[in-house]
């Protein structure tokens, strides 16, 4: 089996797991990062953005609003000013994902993506709920050294090599005849 086949299968599984209007999902981010909250529509064909309404909200808080083919951020909550954007080039194909920049701990919430096609061919309102969990960045500062100076580590425990795997790896090399004792 060629390497392209497993890669293609993984891509299909990831694509199949994307929310389709009513599916819920959870996203994770660290403070200061940019996160994309996924939202797609199940409407067939290309969408007419000039006859579309898209709301991103948390309860009654307006996070982002798109109406009649353009962003309409006049009533956007001030916490989100300058931090939200949509993928305008992909919206006509049903990608309503929201990019949220400079994520803060207060951004932890359940976001609702609400899409409605208006005009001559209105459609059913489609909703998707996305749970965003924001964590503080991993601490990189360690306790002061005996000399009184603090030491800064650029590695987290997850970056450390897994020493338990090394004996197994060495054993496999010996068994395959790559390494001789």
N, C-alpha and C. Protein backbone atom coordinates (compact mmCIF):
# COMPACT_ATOMS: atom_id res chain seq x y z
N UNK A 1 0.85 -1.18 0.00
CA UNK A 1 0.00 0.00 0.00
C UNK A 1 0.89 1.24 0.00
N UNK A 2 0.61 2.15 -0.91
CA UNK A 2 1.38 3.39 -1.00
C UNK A 2 1.06 4.30 0.17
N UNK A 3 1.98 5.23 0.46
CA UNK A 3 1.78 6.15 1.59
C UNK A 3 0.64 7.12 1.33
N UNK A 4 0.31 7.37 0.04
CA UNK A 4 -0.77 8.32 -0.27
C UNK A 4 -2.11 7.79 0.22
N UNK A 5 -2.32 6.47 0.16
CA UNK A 5 -3.60 5.89 0.55
C UNK A 5 -3.92 6.15 2.02
N UNK A 6 -2.99 5.83 2.97
CA UNK A 6 -3.31 6.14 4.37
C UNK A 6 -3.51 7.63 4.61
N UNK A 7 -2.72 8.46 3.92
CA UNK A 7 -2.87 9.90 4.08
C UNK A 7 -4.24 10.35 3.60
N UNK A 8 -4.69 9.81 2.47
CA UNK A 8 -6.00 10.14 1.92
C UNK A 8 -7.09 9.69 2.88
N UNK A 9 -6.94 8.48 3.48
CA UNK A 9 -7.93 7.97 4.42
C UNK A 9 -8.03 8.86 5.65
N UNK A 10 -6.89 9.33 6.17
CA UNK A 10 -6.90 10.23 7.32
C UNK A 10 -7.60 11.54 6.96
N UNK A 11 -7.30 12.07 5.77
CA UNK A 11 -7.94 13.32 5.33
C UNK A 11 -9.45 13.14 5.23
N UNK A 12 -9.90 12.00 4.73
CA UNK A 12 -11.34 11.75 4.62
C UNK A 12 -11.98 11.65 5.99
N UNK A 13 -11.30 10.99 6.93
CA UNK A 13 -11.84 10.88 8.28
C UNK A 13 -11.94 12.24 8.94
N UNK A 14 -10.91 13.08 8.75
CA UNK A 14 -10.95 14.43 9.32
C UNK A 14 -12.08 15.24 8.70
N UNK A 15 -12.24 15.14 7.38
CA UNK A 15 -13.30 15.87 6.70
C UNK A 15 -14.67 15.41 7.17
N UNK A 16 -14.85 14.10 7.34
CA UNK A 16 -16.13 13.54 7.78
C UNK A 16 -16.47 13.98 9.21
N UNK A 17 -15.45 14.29 10.01
CA UNK A 17 -15.70 14.67 11.39
C UNK A 17 -16.03 16.15 11.55
N UNK A 18 -15.92 16.95 10.48
CA UNK A 18 -16.26 18.37 10.57
C UNK A 18 -17.75 18.53 10.83
N UNK A 19 -18.11 19.54 11.62
CA UNK A 19 -19.52 19.74 11.91
C UNK A 19 -20.31 20.12 10.67
N UNK A 20 -21.50 19.61 10.52
CA UNK A 20 -22.36 19.87 9.37
C UNK A 20 -23.63 20.57 9.83
N UNK A 21 -23.52 21.81 10.28
CA UNK A 21 -24.70 22.57 10.67
C UNK A 21 -25.18 22.29 12.07
N UNK A 22 -25.60 21.07 12.38
CA UNK A 22 -26.17 20.78 13.68
C UNK A 22 -25.20 20.07 14.62
N UNK A 23 -24.06 19.62 14.14
CA UNK A 23 -23.13 18.87 14.99
C UNK A 23 -22.38 19.79 15.93
N UNK A 24 -22.11 19.30 17.13
CA UNK A 24 -21.36 20.07 18.12
C UNK A 24 -19.91 19.59 18.14
N UNK A 25 -19.03 20.49 18.50
CA UNK A 25 -17.61 20.16 18.58
C UNK A 25 -16.96 21.00 19.67
N UNK A 26 -15.76 20.60 20.08
CA UNK A 26 -14.99 21.34 21.08
C UNK A 26 -13.65 21.72 20.49
N UNK A 27 -13.24 22.96 20.70
CA UNK A 27 -11.94 23.45 20.26
C UNK A 27 -11.15 23.87 21.49
N UNK A 28 -9.83 23.74 21.40
CA UNK A 28 -8.94 24.08 22.50
C UNK A 28 -7.91 25.10 22.02
N UNK A 29 -7.55 26.03 22.89
CA UNK A 29 -6.54 27.03 22.55
C UNK A 29 -5.85 27.51 23.82
N UNK A 30 -4.65 28.05 23.64
CA UNK A 30 -3.93 28.69 24.73
C UNK A 30 -4.10 30.19 24.59
N UNK A 31 -4.01 30.89 25.70
CA UNK A 31 -4.09 32.35 25.72
C UNK A 31 -3.08 32.92 24.72
N UNK A 32 -3.53 33.89 23.92
CA UNK A 32 -2.66 34.56 22.96
C UNK A 32 -2.66 33.92 21.58
N UNK A 33 -3.17 32.71 21.45
CA UNK A 33 -3.18 32.04 20.15
C UNK A 33 -4.36 32.51 19.30
N UNK A 34 -4.36 32.04 18.06
CA UNK A 34 -5.48 32.24 17.15
C UNK A 34 -6.15 30.89 16.97
N UNK A 35 -7.47 30.87 17.03
CA UNK A 35 -8.21 29.61 16.90
C UNK A 35 -9.28 29.78 15.83
N UNK A 36 -9.57 28.68 15.13
CA UNK A 36 -10.64 28.68 14.14
C UNK A 36 -11.78 27.83 14.69
N UNK A 37 -12.94 28.45 14.85
CA UNK A 37 -14.13 27.75 15.31
C UNK A 37 -14.89 27.30 14.06
N UNK A 38 -14.99 25.98 13.84
CA UNK A 38 -15.55 25.48 12.58
C UNK A 38 -17.06 25.60 12.51
N UNK A 39 -17.54 25.95 11.32
CA UNK A 39 -18.98 25.98 11.06
C UNK A 39 -19.16 25.86 9.55
N UNK A 40 -19.92 24.88 9.12
CA UNK A 40 -20.20 24.70 7.70
C UNK A 40 -21.69 24.48 7.51
N UNK A 41 -22.16 24.72 6.30
CA UNK A 41 -23.56 24.54 5.99
C UNK A 41 -23.75 23.30 5.13
N UNK A 42 -24.95 22.76 5.18
CA UNK A 42 -25.27 21.59 4.38
C UNK A 42 -26.01 21.97 3.10
N UNK A 43 -26.17 23.27 2.84
CA UNK A 43 -26.89 23.72 1.65
C UNK A 43 -26.14 23.30 0.39
N UNK A 44 -26.85 22.74 -0.59
CA UNK A 44 -26.20 22.34 -1.83
C UNK A 44 -25.88 23.54 -2.71
N UNK A 45 -24.82 23.44 -3.48
CA UNK A 45 -24.48 24.48 -4.44
C UNK A 45 -23.84 25.69 -3.81
N UNK A 46 -23.57 26.67 -4.66
CA UNK A 46 -22.93 27.91 -4.23
C UNK A 46 -23.97 28.83 -3.59
N UNK A 47 -23.59 29.45 -2.49
CA UNK A 47 -24.50 30.31 -1.74
C UNK A 47 -24.45 31.75 -2.25
N UNK A 48 -25.55 32.44 -2.15
CA UNK A 48 -25.63 33.84 -2.53
C UNK A 48 -25.42 34.65 -1.26
N UNK A 49 -24.21 35.19 -1.11
CA UNK A 49 -23.86 35.88 0.13
C UNK A 49 -24.64 37.18 0.34
N UNK A 50 -25.06 37.80 -0.76
CA UNK A 50 -25.83 39.04 -0.61
C UNK A 50 -27.21 38.78 -0.02
N UNK A 51 -27.60 37.51 0.06
CA UNK A 51 -28.89 37.14 0.66
C UNK A 51 -28.66 36.16 1.80
N UNK A 52 -27.61 36.40 2.57
CA UNK A 52 -27.28 35.52 3.69
C UNK A 52 -27.13 36.32 4.97
N UNK A 53 -27.44 35.66 6.08
CA UNK A 53 -27.19 36.21 7.41
C UNK A 53 -26.43 35.16 8.19
N UNK A 54 -25.37 35.60 8.85
CA UNK A 54 -24.57 34.71 9.67
C UNK A 54 -24.27 35.40 10.99
N UNK A 55 -24.68 34.74 12.06
CA UNK A 55 -24.42 35.25 13.41
C UNK A 55 -23.46 34.31 14.11
N UNK A 56 -22.50 34.87 14.82
CA UNK A 56 -21.71 34.12 15.80
C UNK A 56 -22.01 34.79 17.12
N UNK A 57 -22.48 34.02 18.08
CA UNK A 57 -22.84 34.62 19.36
C UNK A 57 -22.59 33.67 20.51
N UNK A 58 -22.55 34.25 21.70
CA UNK A 58 -22.51 33.52 22.97
C UNK A 58 -23.72 34.01 23.74
N UNK A 59 -24.69 33.15 23.92
CA UNK A 59 -25.96 33.55 24.52
C UNK A 59 -26.48 34.77 23.76
N UNK A 60 -26.57 35.93 24.41
CA UNK A 60 -27.05 37.13 23.72
C UNK A 60 -25.92 38.08 23.32
N UNK A 61 -24.67 37.65 23.51
CA UNK A 61 -23.51 38.48 23.16
C UNK A 61 -23.15 38.26 21.69
N UNK A 62 -23.14 39.33 20.91
CA UNK A 62 -22.81 39.25 19.49
C UNK A 62 -21.29 39.24 19.31
N UNK A 63 -20.78 38.14 18.76
CA UNK A 63 -19.34 37.99 18.52
C UNK A 63 -18.99 38.46 17.12
N UNK A 64 -19.81 38.08 16.12
CA UNK A 64 -19.57 38.48 14.73
C UNK A 64 -20.89 38.38 13.97
N UNK A 65 -21.13 39.33 13.05
CA UNK A 65 -22.36 39.32 12.26
C UNK A 65 -22.02 39.63 10.82
N UNK A 66 -22.54 38.82 9.91
CA UNK A 66 -22.34 38.98 8.47
C UNK A 66 -23.74 39.05 7.85
N UNK A 67 -24.00 40.13 7.07
CA UNK A 67 -25.33 40.34 6.51
C UNK A 67 -25.22 41.00 5.16
N UNK A 68 -26.02 40.56 4.20
CA UNK A 68 -26.05 41.14 2.85
C UNK A 68 -24.67 41.23 2.20
N UNK A 69 -23.87 40.19 2.36
CA UNK A 69 -22.59 40.11 1.68
C UNK A 69 -21.44 40.83 2.34
N UNK A 70 -21.61 41.32 3.57
CA UNK A 70 -20.51 42.01 4.23
C UNK A 70 -20.60 41.89 5.75
N UNK A 71 -19.44 42.09 6.39
CA UNK A 71 -19.43 42.12 7.85
C UNK A 71 -20.25 43.32 8.32
N UNK A 72 -20.97 43.12 9.40
CA UNK A 72 -21.76 44.18 10.00
C UNK A 72 -21.47 44.14 11.50
N UNK A 73 -20.43 44.85 11.91
CA UNK A 73 -19.90 44.72 13.26
C UNK A 73 -20.26 45.88 14.19
N UNK A 74 -21.23 46.67 13.79
CA UNK A 74 -21.62 47.84 14.59
C UNK A 74 -22.03 47.44 16.01
N UNK A 75 -22.73 46.32 16.17
CA UNK A 75 -23.23 45.91 17.48
C UNK A 75 -22.40 44.77 18.08
N UNK A 76 -21.22 44.56 17.54
CA UNK A 76 -20.33 43.52 18.06
C UNK A 76 -19.88 43.89 19.48
N UNK A 77 -19.85 42.91 20.37
CA UNK A 77 -19.37 43.13 21.73
C UNK A 77 -17.94 43.66 21.67
N UNK A 78 -17.64 44.65 22.49
CA UNK A 78 -16.33 45.32 22.44
C UNK A 78 -15.16 44.37 22.73
N UNK A 79 -15.39 43.28 23.47
CA UNK A 79 -14.31 42.32 23.76
C UNK A 79 -13.78 41.67 22.49
N UNK A 80 -14.58 41.69 21.42
CA UNK A 80 -14.20 41.00 20.18
C UNK A 80 -13.76 41.94 19.06
N UNK A 81 -13.82 43.26 19.30
CA UNK A 81 -13.41 44.21 18.26
C UNK A 81 -11.99 43.92 17.79
N UNK A 82 -11.83 43.80 16.49
CA UNK A 82 -10.51 43.59 15.90
C UNK A 82 -9.94 42.19 16.07
N UNK A 83 -10.71 41.26 16.64
CA UNK A 83 -10.18 39.92 16.89
C UNK A 83 -10.91 38.82 16.11
N UNK A 84 -11.97 39.16 15.37
CA UNK A 84 -12.72 38.14 14.65
C UNK A 84 -12.67 38.39 13.15
N UNK A 85 -12.70 37.30 12.41
CA UNK A 85 -12.81 37.41 10.95
C UNK A 85 -13.36 36.11 10.40
N UNK A 86 -13.92 36.22 9.20
CA UNK A 86 -14.47 35.07 8.49
C UNK A 86 -13.60 34.77 7.28
N UNK A 87 -13.76 33.62 6.71
CA UNK A 87 -13.02 33.24 5.50
C UNK A 87 -13.89 33.61 4.30
N UNK A 88 -13.86 34.91 3.95
CA UNK A 88 -14.76 35.46 2.94
C UNK A 88 -14.67 34.73 1.60
N UNK A 89 -13.49 34.29 1.23
CA UNK A 89 -13.33 33.60 -0.05
C UNK A 89 -13.93 32.19 -0.04
N UNK A 90 -14.23 31.66 1.12
CA UNK A 90 -14.77 30.31 1.23
C UNK A 90 -16.24 30.28 1.64
N UNK A 91 -16.80 31.43 1.96
CA UNK A 91 -18.18 31.46 2.46
C UNK A 91 -19.20 31.01 1.42
N UNK A 92 -19.01 31.34 0.15
CA UNK A 92 -19.99 30.95 -0.87
C UNK A 92 -20.06 29.44 -1.05
N UNK A 93 -19.05 28.74 -0.53
CA UNK A 93 -19.04 27.28 -0.57
C UNK A 93 -19.49 26.67 0.76
N UNK A 94 -19.94 27.51 1.69
CA UNK A 94 -20.52 27.02 2.93
C UNK A 94 -19.59 26.98 4.13
N UNK A 95 -18.41 27.58 4.04
CA UNK A 95 -17.50 27.63 5.19
C UNK A 95 -17.74 28.92 5.95
N UNK A 96 -18.38 28.81 7.12
CA UNK A 96 -18.69 29.96 7.95
C UNK A 96 -17.83 30.01 9.21
N UNK A 97 -16.70 29.33 9.18
CA UNK A 97 -15.81 29.25 10.34
C UNK A 97 -15.36 30.64 10.77
N UNK A 98 -15.19 30.80 12.07
CA UNK A 98 -14.78 32.08 12.65
C UNK A 98 -13.34 31.98 13.14
N UNK A 99 -12.52 32.93 12.71
CA UNK A 99 -11.15 33.01 13.22
C UNK A 99 -11.13 34.02 14.35
N UNK A 100 -10.70 33.56 15.52
CA UNK A 100 -10.63 34.41 16.71
C UNK A 100 -9.16 34.55 17.09
N UNK A 101 -8.67 35.78 17.07
CA UNK A 101 -7.25 36.05 17.35
C UNK A 101 -7.05 36.48 18.79
N UNK A 102 -5.81 36.36 19.25
CA UNK A 102 -5.42 36.80 20.59
C UNK A 102 -6.41 36.28 21.65
N UNK A 103 -6.60 34.96 21.65
CA UNK A 103 -7.57 34.31 22.52
C UNK A 103 -7.25 34.61 23.99
N UNK A 104 -8.30 34.87 24.77
CA UNK A 104 -8.17 35.18 26.20
C UNK A 104 -8.93 34.14 27.02
N UNK A 105 -8.60 34.03 28.31
CA UNK A 105 -9.31 33.08 29.17
C UNK A 105 -10.81 33.35 29.18
N UNK A 106 -11.20 34.62 29.12
CA UNK A 106 -12.62 34.98 29.12
C UNK A 106 -13.34 34.52 27.85
N UNK A 107 -12.60 34.11 26.82
CA UNK A 107 -13.22 33.63 25.58
C UNK A 107 -13.76 32.21 25.73
N UNK A 108 -13.43 31.53 26.82
CA UNK A 108 -13.96 30.20 27.06
C UNK A 108 -15.48 30.29 27.14
N UNK A 109 -16.17 29.59 26.22
CA UNK A 109 -17.64 29.65 26.17
C UNK A 109 -18.14 28.69 25.10
N UNK A 110 -19.45 28.57 25.03
CA UNK A 110 -20.09 27.83 23.95
C UNK A 110 -20.55 28.88 22.93
N UNK A 111 -19.97 28.82 21.74
CA UNK A 111 -20.28 29.75 20.66
C UNK A 111 -21.35 29.11 19.77
N UNK A 112 -22.28 29.92 19.29
CA UNK A 112 -23.30 29.43 18.38
C UNK A 112 -23.13 30.11 17.03
N UNK A 113 -23.05 29.30 15.99
CA UNK A 113 -22.99 29.77 14.61
C UNK A 113 -24.39 29.59 14.04
N UNK A 114 -25.01 30.67 13.60
CA UNK A 114 -26.37 30.62 13.06
C UNK A 114 -26.35 31.17 11.64
N UNK A 115 -26.78 30.33 10.69
CA UNK A 115 -26.79 30.73 9.28
C UNK A 115 -28.21 30.68 8.74
N UNK A 116 -28.57 31.72 7.97
CA UNK A 116 -29.90 31.78 7.36
C UNK A 116 -29.78 32.40 5.98
N UNK A 117 -30.32 31.70 4.96
CA UNK A 117 -30.40 32.23 3.60
C UNK A 117 -31.73 32.95 3.50
N UNK A 118 -31.73 34.19 3.01
CA UNK A 118 -32.96 34.98 2.90
C UNK A 118 -33.31 35.17 1.43
N UNK A 119 -34.23 36.04 1.14
CA UNK A 119 -34.57 36.36 -0.25
C UNK A 119 -35.62 35.43 -0.83
N UNK A 120 -35.53 35.21 -2.15
CA UNK A 120 -36.52 34.41 -2.88
C UNK A 120 -36.53 32.94 -2.47
N UNK A 121 -35.38 32.43 -2.05
CA UNK A 121 -35.27 31.01 -1.69
C UNK A 121 -34.74 30.86 -0.27
N UNK A 122 -35.54 31.28 0.71
CA UNK A 122 -35.06 31.14 2.09
C UNK A 122 -34.91 29.67 2.46
N UNK A 123 -33.99 29.41 3.35
CA UNK A 123 -33.78 28.04 3.81
C UNK A 123 -34.03 27.95 5.30
N UNK A 124 -33.96 26.76 5.79
CA UNK A 124 -34.11 26.51 7.21
C UNK A 124 -32.91 27.11 7.94
N UNK A 125 -33.13 27.66 9.10
CA UNK A 125 -32.02 28.19 9.90
C UNK A 125 -31.15 27.03 10.35
N UNK A 126 -29.84 27.18 10.16
CA UNK A 126 -28.90 26.13 10.56
C UNK A 126 -28.06 26.64 11.72
N UNK A 127 -27.93 25.81 12.74
CA UNK A 127 -27.18 26.19 13.93
C UNK A 127 -26.11 25.15 14.22
N UNK A 128 -25.02 25.64 14.77
CA UNK A 128 -23.94 24.76 15.23
C UNK A 128 -23.38 25.36 16.50
N UNK A 129 -23.15 24.50 17.48
CA UNK A 129 -22.58 24.96 18.75
C UNK A 129 -21.15 24.45 18.85
N UNK A 130 -20.24 25.37 19.18
CA UNK A 130 -18.82 25.06 19.31
C UNK A 130 -18.37 25.48 20.70
N UNK A 131 -17.85 24.53 21.42
CA UNK A 131 -17.35 24.79 22.77
C UNK A 131 -15.87 25.16 22.67
N UNK A 132 -15.50 26.34 23.12
CA UNK A 132 -14.10 26.76 23.13
C UNK A 132 -13.58 26.72 24.55
N UNK A 133 -12.50 25.99 24.73
CA UNK A 133 -11.85 25.91 26.04
C UNK A 133 -10.47 26.54 25.91
N UNK A 134 -10.24 27.60 26.66
CA UNK A 134 -8.98 28.33 26.62
C UNK A 134 -8.21 28.05 27.90
N UNK A 135 -6.93 27.74 27.74
CA UNK A 135 -6.06 27.48 28.89
C UNK A 135 -4.92 28.48 28.91
N UNK A 136 -4.39 28.68 30.10
CA UNK A 136 -3.20 29.52 30.23
C UNK A 136 -2.05 28.79 29.54
N UNK A 137 -1.12 29.53 28.95
CA UNK A 137 0.00 28.85 28.29
C UNK A 137 0.82 28.07 29.30
N UNK A 138 1.47 26.99 28.86
CA UNK A 138 2.28 26.22 29.80
C UNK A 138 3.36 27.10 30.41
N UNK A 139 3.60 26.93 31.68
CA UNK A 139 4.60 27.72 32.37
C UNK A 139 5.99 27.31 31.90
N UNK A 140 6.80 28.31 31.57
CA UNK A 140 8.16 28.01 31.11
C UNK A 140 9.20 28.43 32.14
N UNK A 141 8.75 29.08 33.20
CA UNK A 141 9.70 29.51 34.22
C UNK A 141 9.74 28.50 35.35
N UNK A 142 10.96 28.16 35.76
CA UNK A 142 11.15 27.18 36.84
C UNK A 142 11.55 27.91 38.11
N UNK A 143 11.64 27.17 39.19
CA UNK A 143 12.05 27.73 40.47
C UNK A 143 13.46 28.30 40.36
N UNK A 144 13.77 29.31 41.15
CA UNK A 144 15.12 29.90 41.09
C UNK A 144 16.18 28.85 41.41
N UNK A 145 17.31 28.98 40.74
CA UNK A 145 18.43 28.06 40.97
C UNK A 145 19.13 28.46 42.28
N UNK A 146 20.00 27.61 42.79
CA UNK A 146 20.71 27.96 44.04
C UNK A 146 21.46 29.28 43.96
N UNK A 147 21.86 29.67 42.75
CA UNK A 147 22.59 30.93 42.61
C UNK A 147 21.66 32.14 42.73
N UNK A 148 20.31 31.87 42.77
CA UNK A 148 19.37 32.97 42.90
C UNK A 148 18.81 33.44 41.58
N UNK A 149 19.33 32.94 40.46
CA UNK A 149 18.83 33.33 39.15
C UNK A 149 17.74 32.37 38.72
N UNK A 150 16.73 32.88 38.05
CA UNK A 150 15.68 31.99 37.56
C UNK A 150 16.14 31.35 36.26
N UNK A 151 15.67 30.15 36.03
CA UNK A 151 16.01 29.43 34.82
C UNK A 151 14.76 29.36 33.96
N UNK A 152 14.91 29.63 32.68
CA UNK A 152 13.79 29.58 31.77
C UNK A 152 13.96 28.36 30.88
N UNK A 153 12.92 27.55 30.86
CA UNK A 153 12.94 26.34 30.05
C UNK A 153 12.04 26.56 28.85
N UNK A 154 12.50 26.18 27.68
CA UNK A 154 11.68 26.31 26.48
C UNK A 154 10.96 25.02 26.17
N UNK A 155 11.07 24.01 27.04
CA UNK A 155 10.45 22.71 26.78
C UNK A 155 9.39 22.42 27.83
N UNK A 156 8.35 21.78 27.40
CA UNK A 156 7.34 21.29 28.32
C UNK A 156 7.59 19.81 28.55
N UNK A 157 7.01 19.22 29.59
CA UNK A 157 7.20 17.80 29.83
C UNK A 157 6.79 16.95 28.62
N UNK A 158 5.83 17.40 27.84
CA UNK A 158 5.39 16.63 26.68
C UNK A 158 6.46 16.59 25.59
N UNK A 159 7.39 17.57 25.60
CA UNK A 159 8.45 17.60 24.60
C UNK A 159 9.60 16.66 24.94
N UNK A 160 9.70 16.23 26.18
CA UNK A 160 10.82 15.37 26.59
C UNK A 160 10.73 14.04 25.88
N UNK A 161 11.88 13.46 25.46
CA UNK A 161 11.83 12.18 24.77
C UNK A 161 11.32 11.09 25.71
N UNK A 162 10.60 10.17 25.16
CA UNK A 162 10.06 9.08 25.96
C UNK A 162 11.12 8.01 26.09
N UNK A 163 11.82 7.99 27.22
CA UNK A 163 12.92 7.07 27.42
C UNK A 163 12.48 5.61 27.45
N UNK A 164 11.24 5.36 27.77
CA UNK A 164 10.76 3.99 27.82
C UNK A 164 10.77 3.33 26.45
N UNK A 165 10.72 4.11 25.39
CA UNK A 165 10.69 3.56 24.04
C UNK A 165 12.09 3.20 23.56
N UNK A 166 13.13 3.81 24.11
CA UNK A 166 14.49 3.57 23.63
C UNK A 166 14.92 2.11 23.72
N UNK A 167 14.70 1.38 24.82
CA UNK A 167 15.10 -0.03 24.84
C UNK A 167 14.38 -0.86 23.78
N UNK A 168 13.12 -0.59 23.54
CA UNK A 168 12.37 -1.33 22.52
C UNK A 168 12.94 -1.03 21.14
N UNK A 169 13.23 0.24 20.89
CA UNK A 169 13.80 0.64 19.61
C UNK A 169 15.16 -0.04 19.41
N UNK A 170 16.00 -0.06 20.43
CA UNK A 170 17.30 -0.70 20.35
C UNK A 170 17.15 -2.19 20.09
N UNK A 171 16.21 -2.85 20.77
CA UNK A 171 15.95 -4.27 20.59
C UNK A 171 15.55 -4.56 19.14
N UNK A 172 14.69 -3.72 18.55
CA UNK A 172 14.28 -3.91 17.16
C UNK A 172 15.46 -3.77 16.22
N UNK A 173 16.36 -2.82 16.49
CA UNK A 173 17.53 -2.66 15.63
C UNK A 173 18.42 -3.89 15.69
N UNK A 174 18.58 -4.46 16.88
CA UNK A 174 19.40 -5.67 17.03
C UNK A 174 18.73 -6.83 16.28
N UNK A 175 17.42 -6.99 16.45
CA UNK A 175 16.69 -8.08 15.81
C UNK A 175 16.72 -7.96 14.28
N UNK A 176 16.71 -6.77 13.77
CA UNK A 176 16.75 -6.57 12.32
C UNK A 176 18.16 -6.66 11.77
N UNK A 177 19.14 -6.79 12.63
CA UNK A 177 20.52 -6.92 12.21
C UNK A 177 21.18 -5.61 11.85
N UNK A 178 20.54 -4.50 12.19
CA UNK A 178 21.12 -3.20 11.88
C UNK A 178 22.22 -2.87 12.86
N UNK A 179 22.06 -3.33 14.09
CA UNK A 179 23.01 -3.04 15.15
C UNK A 179 23.53 -4.36 15.71
N UNK A 180 24.85 -4.52 15.82
CA UNK A 180 25.44 -5.75 16.33
C UNK A 180 26.03 -5.50 17.72
N UNK A 181 25.81 -6.44 18.62
CA UNK A 181 26.37 -6.32 19.97
C UNK A 181 27.72 -6.94 20.04
